[in-house]
């Protein structure tokens, strides 16, 4: 019989000037971007961790070590594609993704549809299976002071026989 599994993902990246900003696989025009070994996309990193968690397959750091030069500046869309292929081979289907993008700037609202479509395409699910919420920290802490961006994700997967 099919089983439903749940996974939780979280990621945070420091923001600095002169870096590119990728959020959910979408390049966002911004004077500040994320610092990271890969492209520093906190949304896709949290999505990957949520999926890996649901499948009991470890975490993003184990799969794509920041000590490994071959992942330097790699697009996180490529990493998510690799994970999608791996879980498919293990009889898992993504049922849904619920995503909180926590950032003071940029405002996520106008990019939600693009981000949703990008993730849906890679994960081979419908955009209606993804929910994205843009959150701020009301100018509190490192996120509120525009020094970091974070993301949390919960997912449900179906393990089929």
Protein backbone atom coordinates (compact mmCIF):
# COMPACT_ATOMS: atom_id res chain seq x y z
CA UNK A 1 0.00 0.00 0.00
CA UNK A 2 1.05 3.61 -0.55
CA UNK A 3 2.53 5.48 2.42
CA UNK A 4 2.59 9.23 3.03
CA UNK A 5 5.88 10.60 4.35
CA UNK A 6 6.63 14.13 5.58
CA UNK A 7 9.81 16.17 5.47
CA UNK A 8 10.94 19.50 6.85
CA UNK A 9 13.59 21.74 5.27
CA UNK A 10 15.28 24.93 6.40
CA UNK A 11 18.05 27.10 4.99
CA UNK A 12 19.50 30.54 5.54
CA UNK A 13 22.05 32.49 3.50
CA UNK A 14 23.92 35.69 4.20
CA UNK A 15 23.18 38.58 1.83
CA UNK A 16 25.95 40.77 0.42
CA UNK A 17 26.40 43.30 -2.35
CA UNK A 18 27.80 42.20 -5.69
CA UNK A 19 26.34 38.67 -5.47
CA UNK A 20 23.55 37.21 -7.64
CA UNK A 21 20.20 36.49 -6.03
CA UNK A 22 18.46 33.22 -6.87
CA UNK A 23 15.19 32.46 -5.09
CA UNK A 24 13.39 29.23 -5.95
CA UNK A 25 15.39 28.82 -9.14
CA UNK A 26 14.52 32.32 -10.36
CA UNK A 27 17.16 35.03 -10.79
CA UNK A 28 15.87 38.12 -9.00
CA UNK A 29 17.22 41.55 -9.96
CA UNK A 30 18.80 42.88 -6.76
CA UNK A 31 21.85 44.90 -5.64
CA UNK A 32 22.41 42.23 -2.96
CA UNK A 33 22.63 38.49 -3.38
CA UNK A 34 23.37 35.35 -1.40
CA UNK A 35 26.72 34.05 -0.28
CA UNK A 36 27.01 30.30 -0.81
CA UNK A 37 29.18 27.50 -2.20
CA UNK A 38 26.59 26.83 -4.91
CA UNK A 39 24.34 29.61 -6.25
CA UNK A 40 23.13 30.11 -2.65
CA UNK A 41 19.42 29.58 -3.36
CA UNK A 42 17.88 29.19 0.12
CA UNK A 43 14.50 28.11 -1.24
CA UNK A 44 15.73 25.22 -3.38
CA UNK A 45 18.14 24.17 -0.61
CA UNK A 46 15.24 23.99 1.87
CA UNK A 47 13.09 22.14 -0.71
CA UNK A 48 15.88 19.60 -1.23
CA UNK A 49 16.29 19.07 2.52
CA UNK A 50 12.52 18.63 2.99
CA UNK A 51 12.41 16.01 0.22
CA UNK A 52 15.48 14.19 1.56
CA UNK A 53 13.96 14.25 5.05
CA UNK A 54 10.70 12.69 3.88
CA UNK A 55 12.66 9.89 2.19
CA UNK A 56 15.05 9.38 5.16
CA UNK A 57 17.93 10.08 2.75
CA UNK A 58 20.05 12.47 4.83
CA UNK A 59 20.57 16.12 3.93
CA UNK A 60 21.86 18.45 1.24
CA UNK A 61 25.30 18.78 2.86
CA UNK A 62 25.84 15.01 2.67
CA UNK A 63 24.73 14.81 -0.96
CA UNK A 64 26.43 17.97 -2.24
CA UNK A 65 29.31 18.86 0.09
CA UNK A 66 30.55 22.45 0.12
CA UNK A 67 34.07 20.91 0.33
CA UNK A 68 33.57 19.47 -3.17
CA UNK A 69 34.81 21.76 -5.95
CA UNK A 70 32.42 20.27 -8.51
CA UNK A 71 29.49 21.93 -6.70
CA UNK A 72 31.15 25.37 -6.59
CA UNK A 73 28.71 27.92 -8.10
CA UNK A 74 26.45 25.11 -9.36
CA UNK A 75 22.82 26.10 -9.97
CA UNK A 76 20.55 24.67 -7.30
CA UNK A 77 18.06 23.73 -10.04
CA UNK A 78 20.61 21.06 -11.11
CA UNK A 79 20.88 19.78 -7.53
CA UNK A 80 17.08 19.54 -7.19
CA UNK A 81 16.89 17.67 -10.53
CA UNK A 82 19.43 15.11 -9.23
CA UNK A 83 17.43 14.59 -6.02
CA UNK A 84 14.15 14.29 -7.98
CA UNK A 85 15.72 11.56 -10.14
CA UNK A 86 16.98 9.73 -7.03
CA UNK A 87 13.63 9.73 -5.21
CA UNK A 88 11.78 8.70 -8.37
CA UNK A 89 14.09 5.67 -8.62
CA UNK A 90 13.11 4.85 -5.02
CA UNK A 91 9.34 4.98 -5.80
CA UNK A 92 8.58 8.39 -4.25
CA UNK A 93 6.25 11.03 -5.67
CA UNK A 94 6.06 14.58 -4.34
CA UNK A 95 2.52 15.25 -3.14
CA UNK A 96 2.88 18.88 -2.07
CA UNK A 97 5.30 21.60 -0.98
CA UNK A 98 4.47 24.41 1.45
CA UNK A 99 7.18 27.10 1.42
CA UNK A 100 7.84 30.11 3.67
CA UNK A 101 10.34 32.55 2.17
CA UNK A 102 11.53 34.80 4.98
CA UNK A 103 13.09 38.03 3.75
CA UNK A 104 12.71 41.74 4.37
CA UNK A 105 13.71 42.51 0.78
CA UNK A 106 12.97 41.74 -2.01
CA UNK A 107 9.22 41.39 -1.68
CA UNK A 108 8.40 37.86 -2.88
CA UNK A 109 4.82 38.56 -4.01
CA UNK A 110 5.63 39.49 -7.60
CA UNK A 111 7.89 36.46 -8.12
CA UNK A 112 5.62 33.81 -6.57
CA UNK A 113 4.18 32.56 -9.84
CA UNK A 114 7.61 32.30 -11.54
CA UNK A 115 9.09 30.49 -8.53
CA UNK A 116 6.10 28.14 -8.30
CA UNK A 117 6.32 27.29 -12.01
CA UNK A 118 10.08 26.71 -11.83
CA UNK A 119 9.82 24.32 -8.86
CA UNK A 120 6.74 22.54 -10.30
CA UNK A 121 8.56 21.87 -13.57
CA UNK A 122 11.66 20.39 -11.90
CA UNK A 123 9.62 18.36 -9.39
CA UNK A 124 7.21 17.16 -12.10
CA UNK A 125 4.16 18.31 -10.15
CA UNK A 126 1.39 20.83 -10.77
CA UNK A 127 1.80 24.44 -9.63
CA UNK A 128 -1.36 23.85 -7.55
CA UNK A 129 0.66 21.37 -5.43
CA UNK A 130 2.94 24.20 -4.29
CA UNK A 131 2.12 27.01 -1.88
CA UNK A 132 4.52 29.92 -1.33
CA UNK A 133 4.22 32.50 1.42
CA UNK A 134 6.42 35.58 1.62
CA UNK A 135 7.22 36.52 5.23
CA UNK A 136 9.20 39.32 6.85
CA UNK A 137 10.60 39.53 10.37
CA UNK A 138 9.16 43.03 10.87
CA UNK A 139 12.69 44.49 10.56
CA UNK A 140 13.93 42.32 13.48
CA UNK A 141 17.19 40.34 13.51
CA UNK A 142 19.61 39.65 10.65
CA UNK A 143 16.78 39.01 8.20
CA UNK A 144 14.99 42.22 9.18
CA UNK A 145 18.23 44.17 8.77
CA UNK A 146 18.50 42.71 5.23
CA UNK A 147 21.67 40.76 6.05
CA UNK A 148 20.16 37.31 5.42
CA UNK A 149 17.34 35.43 3.74
CA UNK A 150 15.81 32.22 5.06
CA UNK A 151 13.37 29.60 3.92
CA UNK A 152 11.42 26.81 5.55
CA UNK A 153 9.61 24.06 3.69
CA UNK A 154 7.37 21.18 4.61
CA UNK A 155 6.57 18.52 2.06
CA UNK A 156 4.54 15.35 1.83
CA UNK A 157 5.64 12.54 -0.44
CA UNK A 158 3.89 9.37 -1.46
CA UNK A 159 5.93 6.15 -1.33
CA UNK A 160 4.17 3.80 -3.70
CA UNK A 161 4.58 0.01 -4.09
